[in-house]
Amino acid sequence: MEDFASTLLNDLHRYLVGRGKVDERLPECPDVEGKWPAIAEAYLPDGVREFSSYPVASLGWIMFVAMAVARFWDLDWERYDKVENLYTMLRDKRGYDNLDEYIMDEVLDVHGDEAEALQELVGDCAERVKHALFALDVEAGTVEAFKAYVACLQVMYQMGMAIQLNAMGYHMTRINE
C-alpha cells in the first residue's frame, strides 16, 4: 500500500504543480500533519458511508478539511490546536453534506468565481484519486480496499494542506547553504 500511496502522492503533486497550486517542494507543517490521525478517525465513518454513492465528495471533503486546518494554523494555532477534533467541529457547523460550502464561506473566505475554481480543483483532484483507487482493482469491502481508501484520504489531506499553505503565501524553496 505504501507504493500505491507514494505513486498517488507523486501524481497528484505533479498535477498541482502544473496547475500552479503547489510548489515543487512539498511543505512540511508538523502541526497540521499531526492532526491527521484524529481527523482520519473521526472522518472515516462519514467518508466510508458516503463513498459508494458519492466517491468524489468522500475523497474531496477531506481536502477541504486540510485546507481549513492549514488556515487555522495560520490564523490562531494556539486556539485551534486545543480543539478536541477539528473535523467534527467543522462538520457540525452545517453538516457533512455542506462541509465544503462552510469551509469555503466561513474558514477560507472564498466566494464567487474563486469558490467555483476551488470547488473544481478539489473535484478534479478527487476524480484523479478515485480513478487511481478503482484502477488498483482491490475487492470492495476487504481490508486491502479499506487501507487503499485511507491512503487516498491521507494523500488528499496532504495536498489540501499544501494547496492552502501555498495560497496563503507559504512557498517551499530550497535555501542555498
N, C-alpha and C. Protein backbone atom coordinates (compact mmCIF):
# COMPACT_ATOMS: atom_id res chain seq x y z
N MET A 1 0.82 -1.19 0.00
CA MET A 1 0.00 0.00 0.00
C MET A 1 0.86 1.26 0.00
N GLU A 2 2.07 1.15 0.54
CA GLU A 2 2.97 2.31 0.54
C GLU A 2 3.32 2.73 -0.88
N ASP A 3 3.54 1.77 -1.78
CA ASP A 3 3.83 2.09 -3.18
C ASP A 3 2.65 2.81 -3.82
N PHE A 4 1.44 2.33 -3.55
CA PHE A 4 0.25 2.96 -4.09
C PHE A 4 0.15 4.40 -3.60
N ALA A 5 0.31 4.62 -2.31
CA ALA A 5 0.21 5.96 -1.73
C ALA A 5 1.29 6.88 -2.28
N SER A 6 2.49 6.37 -2.42
CA SER A 6 3.59 7.17 -2.95
C SER A 6 3.35 7.56 -4.41
N THR A 7 2.90 6.61 -5.20
CA THR A 7 2.59 6.88 -6.61
C THR A 7 1.46 7.90 -6.72
N LEU A 8 0.45 7.73 -5.90
CA LEU A 8 -0.69 8.64 -5.89
C LEU A 8 -0.25 10.05 -5.49
N LEU A 9 0.55 10.16 -4.45
CA LEU A 9 1.05 11.45 -3.99
C LEU A 9 1.85 12.12 -5.10
N ASN A 10 2.74 11.38 -5.74
CA ASN A 10 3.56 11.95 -6.81
C ASN A 10 2.71 12.42 -7.98
N ASP A 11 1.70 11.63 -8.35
CA ASP A 11 0.83 12.00 -9.46
C ASP A 11 0.06 13.27 -9.14
N LEU A 12 -0.54 13.33 -7.97
CA LEU A 12 -1.33 14.49 -7.59
C LEU A 12 -0.43 15.72 -7.43
N HIS A 13 0.75 15.51 -6.90
CA HIS A 13 1.69 16.61 -6.73
C HIS A 13 2.08 17.19 -8.10
N ARG A 14 2.42 16.34 -9.05
CA ARG A 14 2.77 16.81 -10.40
C ARG A 14 1.61 17.57 -11.03
N TYR A 15 0.41 17.04 -10.86
CA TYR A 15 -0.78 17.70 -11.40
C TYR A 15 -0.94 19.10 -10.81
N LEU A 16 -0.81 19.22 -9.50
CA LEU A 16 -1.00 20.51 -8.83
C LEU A 16 0.13 21.48 -9.11
N VAL A 17 1.34 20.98 -9.28
CA VAL A 17 2.45 21.85 -9.70
C VAL A 17 2.13 22.42 -11.08
N GLY A 18 1.65 21.58 -11.97
CA GLY A 18 1.29 22.01 -13.31
C GLY A 18 0.18 23.05 -13.33
N ARG A 19 -0.69 23.00 -12.35
CA ARG A 19 -1.78 23.98 -12.24
C ARG A 19 -1.35 25.23 -11.45
N GLY A 20 -0.10 25.22 -10.96
CA GLY A 20 0.41 26.36 -10.20
C GLY A 20 -0.18 26.50 -8.81
N LYS A 21 -0.66 25.38 -8.25
CA LYS A 21 -1.32 25.42 -6.94
C LYS A 21 -0.42 25.01 -5.79
N VAL A 22 0.69 24.36 -6.09
CA VAL A 22 1.68 23.99 -5.06
C VAL A 22 3.07 24.16 -5.66
N ASP A 23 4.05 24.21 -4.78
CA ASP A 23 5.44 24.33 -5.20
C ASP A 23 6.03 22.96 -5.52
N GLU A 24 7.17 22.97 -6.19
CA GLU A 24 7.89 21.72 -6.48
C GLU A 24 8.21 20.97 -5.19
N ARG A 25 8.58 21.71 -4.19
CA ARG A 25 8.90 21.10 -2.89
C ARG A 25 7.65 21.14 -2.02
N LEU A 26 7.23 19.98 -1.56
CA LEU A 26 6.04 19.92 -0.71
C LEU A 26 6.34 20.52 0.66
N PRO A 27 5.36 21.19 1.24
CA PRO A 27 5.58 21.82 2.54
C PRO A 27 5.64 20.81 3.67
N GLU A 28 6.29 21.22 4.71
CA GLU A 28 6.31 20.46 5.94
C GLU A 28 5.65 21.34 7.00
N CYS A 29 4.60 20.85 7.58
CA CYS A 29 3.89 21.59 8.62
C CYS A 29 3.46 20.58 9.67
N PRO A 30 4.37 20.24 10.58
CA PRO A 30 4.09 19.19 11.56
C PRO A 30 2.81 19.41 12.37
N ASP A 31 2.45 20.65 12.64
CA ASP A 31 1.23 20.91 13.40
C ASP A 31 0.00 20.41 12.65
N VAL A 32 -0.10 20.77 11.38
CA VAL A 32 -1.25 20.34 10.57
C VAL A 32 -1.17 18.84 10.30
N GLU A 33 0.01 18.35 9.96
CA GLU A 33 0.18 16.92 9.69
C GLU A 33 -0.14 16.10 10.93
N GLY A 34 0.19 16.61 12.09
CA GLY A 34 -0.05 15.90 13.34
C GLY A 34 -1.52 15.72 13.68
N LYS A 35 -2.38 16.51 13.09
CA LYS A 35 -3.82 16.39 13.32
C LYS A 35 -4.44 15.26 12.49
N TRP A 36 -3.70 14.74 11.50
CA TRP A 36 -4.25 13.72 10.60
C TRP A 36 -4.84 12.51 11.32
N PRO A 37 -4.14 11.85 12.26
CA PRO A 37 -4.72 10.64 12.85
C PRO A 37 -6.09 10.87 13.50
N ALA A 38 -6.25 11.93 14.26
CA ALA A 38 -7.53 12.20 14.92
C ALA A 38 -8.59 12.58 13.89
N ILE A 39 -8.22 13.36 12.89
CA ILE A 39 -9.16 13.74 11.84
C ILE A 39 -9.60 12.51 11.06
N ALA A 40 -8.65 11.67 10.70
CA ALA A 40 -8.98 10.45 9.95
C ALA A 40 -9.94 9.57 10.73
N GLU A 41 -9.66 9.37 11.99
CA GLU A 41 -10.52 8.52 12.82
C GLU A 41 -11.95 9.06 12.87
N ALA A 42 -12.08 10.37 13.01
CA ALA A 42 -13.41 10.98 13.07
C ALA A 42 -14.08 11.02 11.69
N TYR A 43 -13.29 11.17 10.64
CA TYR A 43 -13.84 11.31 9.30
C TYR A 43 -14.30 9.97 8.70
N LEU A 44 -13.59 8.91 9.02
CA LEU A 44 -13.84 7.61 8.37
C LEU A 44 -15.30 7.15 8.41
N PRO A 45 -16.02 7.23 9.52
CA PRO A 45 -17.42 6.80 9.48
C PRO A 45 -18.25 7.56 8.44
N ASP A 46 -18.04 8.86 8.35
CA ASP A 46 -18.77 9.67 7.37
C ASP A 46 -18.29 9.37 5.95
N GLY A 47 -16.99 9.36 5.77
CA GLY A 47 -16.42 9.14 4.45
C GLY A 47 -16.76 7.78 3.86
N VAL A 48 -16.65 6.75 4.68
CA VAL A 48 -16.97 5.38 4.21
C VAL A 48 -18.45 5.27 3.87
N ARG A 49 -19.30 5.83 4.72
CA ARG A 49 -20.74 5.78 4.48
C ARG A 49 -21.11 6.43 3.14
N GLU A 50 -20.46 7.52 2.81
CA GLU A 50 -20.79 8.27 1.60
C GLU A 50 -20.08 7.76 0.35
N PHE A 51 -19.03 6.97 0.51
CA PHE A 51 -18.18 6.61 -0.63
C PHE A 51 -18.92 5.89 -1.75
N SER A 52 -19.78 4.94 -1.44
CA SER A 52 -20.41 4.16 -2.51
C SER A 52 -21.30 5.02 -3.40
N SER A 53 -21.99 5.99 -2.85
CA SER A 53 -22.86 6.85 -3.64
C SER A 53 -22.17 8.12 -4.13
N TYR A 54 -21.23 8.63 -3.36
CA TYR A 54 -20.58 9.90 -3.67
C TYR A 54 -19.06 9.82 -3.46
N PRO A 55 -18.37 9.02 -4.25
CA PRO A 55 -16.93 8.84 -4.03
C PRO A 55 -16.12 10.12 -4.17
N VAL A 56 -16.49 10.99 -5.09
CA VAL A 56 -15.73 12.23 -5.28
C VAL A 56 -15.88 13.14 -4.06
N ALA A 57 -17.08 13.24 -3.52
CA ALA A 57 -17.28 14.04 -2.31
C ALA A 57 -16.55 13.41 -1.13
N SER A 58 -16.65 12.10 -1.00
CA SER A 58 -15.99 11.39 0.09
C SER A 58 -14.48 11.64 0.09
N LEU A 59 -13.89 11.68 -1.08
CA LEU A 59 -12.45 11.94 -1.20
C LEU A 59 -12.15 13.43 -1.12
N GLY A 60 -13.00 14.24 -1.71
CA GLY A 60 -12.73 15.68 -1.79
C GLY A 60 -12.92 16.42 -0.48
N TRP A 61 -13.90 16.00 0.31
CA TRP A 61 -14.18 16.75 1.54
C TRP A 61 -12.97 16.78 2.46
N ILE A 62 -12.17 15.71 2.46
CA ILE A 62 -11.01 15.69 3.35
C ILE A 62 -9.96 16.70 2.90
N MET A 63 -9.94 17.00 1.60
CA MET A 63 -9.03 18.04 1.11
C MET A 63 -9.46 19.40 1.64
N PHE A 64 -10.77 19.65 1.64
CA PHE A 64 -11.27 20.90 2.22
C PHE A 64 -10.94 20.98 3.71
N VAL A 65 -11.07 19.86 4.41
CA VAL A 65 -10.76 19.84 5.84
C VAL A 65 -9.29 20.22 6.06
N ALA A 66 -8.40 19.67 5.26
CA ALA A 66 -6.98 20.00 5.39
C ALA A 66 -6.73 21.48 5.11
N MET A 67 -7.42 22.03 4.14
CA MET A 67 -7.29 23.46 3.86
C MET A 67 -7.71 24.28 5.07
N ALA A 68 -8.81 23.88 5.69
CA ALA A 68 -9.30 24.57 6.88
C ALA A 68 -8.28 24.47 8.02
N VAL A 69 -7.72 23.30 8.23
CA VAL A 69 -6.74 23.12 9.31
C VAL A 69 -5.51 23.98 9.05
N ALA A 70 -5.06 24.03 7.80
CA ALA A 70 -3.91 24.89 7.45
C ALA A 70 -4.26 26.36 7.71
N ARG A 71 -5.46 26.75 7.40
CA ARG A 71 -5.90 28.14 7.65
C ARG A 71 -5.93 28.42 9.15
N PHE A 72 -6.44 27.47 9.93
CA PHE A 72 -6.44 27.63 11.38
C PHE A 72 -5.02 27.77 11.92
N TRP A 73 -4.11 27.00 11.34
CA TRP A 73 -2.71 27.06 11.76
C TRP A 73 -2.16 28.48 11.55
N ASP A 74 -2.54 29.08 10.46
CA ASP A 74 -2.06 30.42 10.14
C ASP A 74 -2.77 31.49 10.98
N LEU A 75 -4.03 31.29 11.27
CA LEU A 75 -4.82 32.30 11.99
C LEU A 75 -4.50 32.37 13.47
N ASP A 76 -4.63 31.22 14.15
CA ASP A 76 -4.51 31.22 15.61
C ASP A 76 -4.33 29.79 16.09
N TRP A 77 -3.16 29.23 15.86
CA TRP A 77 -2.94 27.82 16.17
C TRP A 77 -3.06 27.52 17.66
N GLU A 78 -2.67 28.46 18.50
CA GLU A 78 -2.81 28.22 19.94
C GLU A 78 -4.26 27.91 20.30
N ARG A 79 -5.18 28.60 19.66
CA ARG A 79 -6.60 28.37 19.91
C ARG A 79 -7.07 27.06 19.28
N TYR A 80 -6.79 26.88 17.99
CA TYR A 80 -7.34 25.73 17.26
C TYR A 80 -6.66 24.41 17.62
N ASP A 81 -5.44 24.48 18.07
CA ASP A 81 -4.74 23.26 18.47
C ASP A 81 -5.42 22.61 19.68
N LYS A 82 -6.13 23.41 20.45
CA LYS A 82 -6.81 22.90 21.65
C LYS A 82 -8.17 22.27 21.35
N VAL A 83 -8.68 22.48 20.14
CA VAL A 83 -9.98 21.90 19.77
C VAL A 83 -9.83 20.38 19.76
N GLU A 84 -10.75 19.70 20.43
CA GLU A 84 -10.64 18.24 20.56
C GLU A 84 -10.56 17.55 19.21
N ASN A 85 -11.46 17.89 18.30
CA ASN A 85 -11.38 17.33 16.95
C ASN A 85 -11.85 18.37 15.95
N LEU A 86 -10.91 18.83 15.14
CA LEU A 86 -11.22 19.87 14.18
C LEU A 86 -12.21 19.41 13.12
N TYR A 87 -12.15 18.14 12.71
CA TYR A 87 -13.09 17.66 11.71
C TYR A 87 -14.53 17.75 12.23
N THR A 88 -14.78 17.24 13.41
CA THR A 88 -16.16 17.25 13.91
C THR A 88 -16.64 18.68 14.15
N MET A 89 -15.74 19.56 14.57
CA MET A 89 -16.11 20.96 14.74
C MET A 89 -16.57 21.55 13.40
N LEU A 90 -15.80 21.28 12.34
CA LEU A 90 -16.15 21.79 11.01
C LEU A 90 -17.45 21.16 10.50
N ARG A 91 -17.55 19.85 10.60
CA ARG A 91 -18.73 19.14 10.11
C ARG A 91 -20.01 19.59 10.80
N ASP A 92 -19.91 19.80 12.09
CA ASP A 92 -21.10 20.10 12.86
C ASP A 92 -21.64 21.52 12.63
N LYS A 93 -20.92 22.35 11.93
CA LYS A 93 -21.40 23.71 11.63
C LYS A 93 -22.60 23.68 10.69
N ARG A 94 -22.51 22.88 9.60
CA ARG A 94 -23.61 22.80 8.62
C ARG A 94 -23.92 21.37 8.18
N GLY A 95 -23.23 20.41 8.77
CA GLY A 95 -23.44 19.02 8.39
C GLY A 95 -22.47 18.57 7.32
N TYR A 96 -22.36 17.27 7.18
CA TYR A 96 -21.41 16.68 6.23
C TYR A 96 -21.68 17.14 4.79
N ASP A 97 -22.92 17.15 4.38
CA ASP A 97 -23.25 17.49 3.00
C ASP A 97 -22.83 18.89 2.61
N ASN A 98 -22.78 19.80 3.56
CA ASN A 98 -22.42 21.19 3.29
C ASN A 98 -21.04 21.57 3.83
N LEU A 99 -20.24 20.58 4.12
CA LEU A 99 -18.92 20.81 4.68
C LEU A 99 -18.06 21.68 3.77
N ASP A 100 -18.08 21.39 2.48
CA ASP A 100 -17.28 22.17 1.53
C ASP A 100 -17.70 23.63 1.51
N GLU A 101 -19.00 23.86 1.47
CA GLU A 101 -19.50 25.24 1.43
C GLU A 101 -19.15 25.99 2.70
N TYR A 102 -19.30 25.34 3.85
CA TYR A 102 -18.96 26.00 5.11
C TYR A 102 -17.48 26.39 5.12
N ILE A 103 -16.62 25.48 4.74
CA ILE A 103 -15.19 25.77 4.78
C ILE A 103 -14.84 26.90 3.82
N MET A 104 -15.38 26.86 2.60
CA MET A 104 -15.08 27.94 1.66
C MET A 104 -15.64 29.28 2.16
N ASP A 105 -16.89 29.28 2.62
CA ASP A 105 -17.54 30.53 3.05
C ASP A 105 -16.92 31.11 4.32
N GLU A 106 -16.84 30.28 5.34
CA GLU A 106 -16.53 30.79 6.68
C GLU A 106 -15.07 30.67 7.12
N VAL A 107 -14.37 29.68 6.58
CA VAL A 107 -12.98 29.47 7.02
C VAL A 107 -12.00 30.08 6.03
N LEU A 108 -12.16 29.73 4.76
CA LEU A 108 -11.23 30.21 3.73
C LEU A 108 -11.64 31.57 3.18
N ASP A 109 -12.88 31.96 3.39
CA ASP A 109 -13.40 33.24 2.91
C ASP A 109 -13.22 33.40 1.40
N VAL A 110 -13.61 32.36 0.65
CA VAL A 110 -13.60 32.43 -0.80
C VAL A 110 -15.05 32.37 -1.29
N HIS A 111 -15.32 33.18 -2.30
CA HIS A 111 -16.69 33.31 -2.79
C HIS A 111 -16.68 33.48 -4.30
N GLY A 112 -17.82 33.33 -4.92
CA GLY A 112 -17.98 33.59 -6.34
C GLY A 112 -17.08 32.74 -7.21
N ASP A 113 -16.42 33.37 -8.16
CA ASP A 113 -15.56 32.66 -9.11
C ASP A 113 -14.42 31.92 -8.41
N GLU A 114 -13.90 32.53 -7.37
CA GLU A 114 -12.80 31.89 -6.62
C GLU A 114 -13.28 30.60 -5.96
N ALA A 115 -14.47 30.61 -5.41
CA ALA A 115 -15.05 29.41 -4.79
C ALA A 115 -15.32 28.35 -5.84
N GLU A 116 -15.85 28.76 -6.99
CA GLU A 116 -16.11 27.81 -8.07
C GLU A 116 -14.82 27.16 -8.55
N ALA A 117 -13.77 27.96 -8.69
CA ALA A 117 -12.47 27.43 -9.13
C ALA A 117 -11.91 26.46 -8.11
N LEU A 118 -12.05 26.77 -6.84
CA LEU A 118 -11.56 25.88 -5.79
C LEU A 118 -12.36 24.58 -5.77
N GLN A 119 -13.67 24.69 -5.91
CA GLN A 119 -14.53 23.51 -5.95
C GLN A 119 -14.13 22.62 -7.13
N GLU A 120 -13.86 23.23 -8.27
CA GLU A 120 -13.45 22.48 -9.45
C GLU A 120 -12.08 21.81 -9.24
N LEU A 121 -11.15 22.53 -8.64
CA LEU A 121 -9.83 21.96 -8.37
C LEU A 121 -9.92 20.75 -7.45
N VAL A 122 -10.67 20.88 -6.37
CA VAL A 122 -10.83 19.76 -5.43
C VAL A 122 -11.52 18.60 -6.13
N GLY A 123 -12.54 18.89 -6.91
CA GLY A 123 -13.23 17.84 -7.66
C GLY A 123 -12.32 17.12 -8.63
N ASP A 124 -11.48 17.88 -9.34
CA ASP A 124 -10.52 17.27 -10.27
C ASP A 124 -9.54 16.36 -9.53
N CYS A 125 -9.05 16.84 -8.39
CA CYS A 125 -8.12 16.02 -7.59
C CYS A 125 -8.81 14.74 -7.11
N ALA A 126 -10.03 14.88 -6.63
CA ALA A 126 -10.78 13.72 -6.13
C ALA A 126 -11.05 12.73 -7.25
N GLU A 127 -11.36 13.22 -8.45
CA GLU A 127 -11.57 12.33 -9.60
C GLU A 127 -10.30 11.55 -9.93
N ARG A 128 -9.16 12.24 -9.93
CA ARG A 128 -7.88 11.57 -10.20
C ARG A 128 -7.62 10.47 -9.19
N VAL A 129 -7.86 10.78 -7.93
CA VAL A 129 -7.62 9.81 -6.86
C VAL A 129 -8.61 8.65 -6.98
N LYS A 130 -9.86 8.95 -7.27
CA LYS A 130 -10.87 7.91 -7.44
C LYS A 130 -10.47 6.95 -8.57
N HIS A 131 -10.03 7.50 -9.68
CA HIS A 131 -9.62 6.65 -10.81
C HIS A 131 -8.43 5.77 -10.43
N ALA A 132 -7.50 6.33 -9.70
CA ALA A 132 -6.34 5.54 -9.25
C ALA A 132 -6.78 4.43 -8.30
N LEU A 133 -7.70 4.74 -7.42
CA LEU A 133 -8.21 3.75 -6.47
C LEU A 133 -8.93 2.63 -7.20
N PHE A 134 -9.80 2.98 -8.15
CA PHE A 134 -10.53 1.96 -8.90
C PHE A 134 -9.60 1.14 -9.79
N ALA A 135 -8.55 1.75 -10.29
CA ALA A 135 -7.58 1.03 -11.13
C ALA A 135 -6.75 0.05 -10.30
N LEU A 136 -6.69 0.27 -9.00
CA LEU A 136 -5.95 -0.63 -8.12
C LEU A 136 -6.56 -2.02 -8.13
N ASP A 137 -7.83 -2.10 -8.42
CA ASP A 137 -8.53 -3.37 -8.59
C ASP A 137 -8.43 -4.26 -7.36
N VAL A 138 -8.81 -3.66 -6.22
CA VAL A 138 -8.93 -4.46 -5.00
C VAL A 138 -10.41 -4.74 -4.76
N GLU A 139 -10.69 -5.85 -4.14
CA GLU A 139 -12.08 -6.24 -3.91
C GLU A 139 -12.72 -5.33 -2.86
N ALA A 140 -13.87 -4.78 -3.20
CA ALA A 140 -14.60 -3.90 -2.29
C ALA A 140 -14.92 -4.64 -0.99
N GLY A 141 -14.86 -3.91 0.11
CA GLY A 141 -15.22 -4.48 1.40
C GLY A 141 -14.10 -5.25 2.08
N THR A 142 -12.93 -5.31 1.46
CA THR A 142 -11.81 -6.04 2.06
C THR A 142 -10.93 -5.09 2.88
N VAL A 143 -10.09 -5.66 3.69
CA VAL A 143 -9.13 -4.88 4.45
C VAL A 143 -8.23 -4.10 3.50
N GLU A 144 -7.83 -4.73 2.41
CA GLU A 144 -6.98 -4.06 1.42
C GLU A 144 -7.69 -2.84 0.82
N ALA A 145 -8.96 -2.96 0.53
CA ALA A 145 -9.73 -1.84 -0.02
C ALA A 145 -9.82 -0.70 1.00
N PHE A 146 -10.02 -1.05 2.25
CA PHE A 146 -10.08 -0.04 3.30
C PHE A 146 -8.74 0.69 3.42
N LYS A 147 -7.67 -0.05 3.42
CA LYS A 147 -6.33 0.56 3.52
C LYS A 147 -6.06 1.47 2.33
N ALA A 148 -6.49 1.06 1.14
CA ALA A 148 -6.31 1.88 -0.05
C ALA A 148 -7.11 3.18 0.06
N TYR A 149 -8.33 3.07 0.57
CA TYR A 149 -9.18 4.26 0.76
C TYR A 149 -8.53 5.22 1.75
N VAL A 150 -8.04 4.71 2.85
CA VAL A 150 -7.39 5.56 3.85
C VAL A 150 -6.14 6.21 3.25
N ALA A 151 -5.39 5.48 2.45
CA ALA A 151 -4.22 6.05 1.78
C ALA A 151 -4.63 7.20 0.87
N CYS A 152 -5.74 7.03 0.16
CA CYS A 152 -6.26 8.09 -0.71
C CYS A 152 -6.63 9.33 0.11
N LEU A 153 -7.31 9.11 1.22
CA LEU A 153 -7.68 10.23 2.08
C LEU A 153 -6.45 10.97 2.59
N GLN A 154 -5.44 10.22 2.98
CA GLN A 154 -4.24 10.86 3.53
C GLN A 154 -3.53 11.70 2.46
N VAL A 155 -3.47 11.20 1.24
CA VAL A 155 -2.86 11.96 0.15
C VAL A 155 -3.68 13.23 -0.10
N MET A 156 -4.99 13.11 -0.12
CA MET A 156 -5.83 14.28 -0.33
C MET A 156 -5.64 15.29 0.81
N TYR A 157 -5.48 14.82 2.02
CA TYR A 157 -5.24 15.70 3.16
C TYR A 157 -3.91 16.43 2.98
N GLN A 158 -2.87 15.69 2.63
CA GLN A 158 -1.55 16.29 2.43
C GLN A 158 -1.60 17.36 1.34
N MET A 159 -2.27 17.06 0.25
CA MET A 159 -2.33 18.01 -0.86
C MET A 159 -3.22 19.20 -0.52
N GLY A 160 -4.27 18.98 0.25
CA GLY A 160 -5.10 20.11 0.69
C GLY A 160 -4.30 21.07 1.55
N MET A 161 -3.49 20.54 2.44
CA MET A 161 -2.63 21.36 3.26
C MET A 161 -1.66 22.14 2.37
N ALA A 162 -1.05 21.47 1.41
CA ALA A 162 -0.08 22.12 0.52
C ALA A 162 -0.73 23.23 -0.30
N ILE A 163 -1.92 22.98 -0.82
CA ILE A 163 -2.63 23.99 -1.61
C ILE A 163 -2.90 25.23 -0.77
N GLN A 164 -3.41 25.01 0.44
CA GLN A 164 -3.77 26.16 1.28
C GLN A 164 -2.54 26.92 1.75
N LEU A 165 -1.50 26.23 2.14
CA LEU A 165 -0.27 26.92 2.55
C LEU A 165 0.26 27.77 1.40
N ASN A 166 0.23 27.22 0.20
CA ASN A 166 0.67 27.96 -0.98
C ASN A 166 -0.21 29.18 -1.21
N ALA A 167 -1.51 29.00 -1.10
CA ALA A 167 -2.45 30.10 -1.31
C ALA A 167 -2.25 31.22 -0.30
N MET A 168 -1.78 30.88 0.89
CA MET A 168 -1.55 31.88 1.93
C MET A 168 -0.16 32.50 1.83
N GLY A 169 0.61 32.09 0.82
CA GLY A 169 1.92 32.70 0.60
C GLY A 169 3.09 31.97 1.20
N TYR A 170 2.87 30.78 1.71
CA TYR A 170 3.98 29.97 2.22
C TYR A 170 4.55 29.18 1.05
N HIS A 171 5.73 29.54 0.63
CA HIS A 171 6.35 28.87 -0.51
C HIS A 171 7.56 28.08 -0.06
N MET A 172 7.66 26.88 -0.55
CA MET A 172 8.72 25.99 -0.14
C MET A 172 9.83 26.05 -1.19
N THR A 173 10.89 26.71 -0.83
CA THR A 173 12.04 26.82 -1.73
C THR A 173 13.28 26.37 -0.98
N ARG A 174 14.19 25.81 -1.73
CA ARG A 174 15.44 25.35 -1.15
C ARG A 174 16.32 26.56 -0.83
N ILE A 175 16.90 26.54 0.32
CA ILE A 175 17.82 27.60 0.74
C ILE A 175 19.23 27.11 0.44
N ASN A 176 19.97 27.91 -0.31
CA ASN A 176 21.36 27.53 -0.62
C ASN A 176 22.21 27.65 0.63
N GLU A 177 22.94 26.60 0.88
CA GLU A 177 23.77 26.60 2.09
C GLU A 177 25.20 26.93 1.74
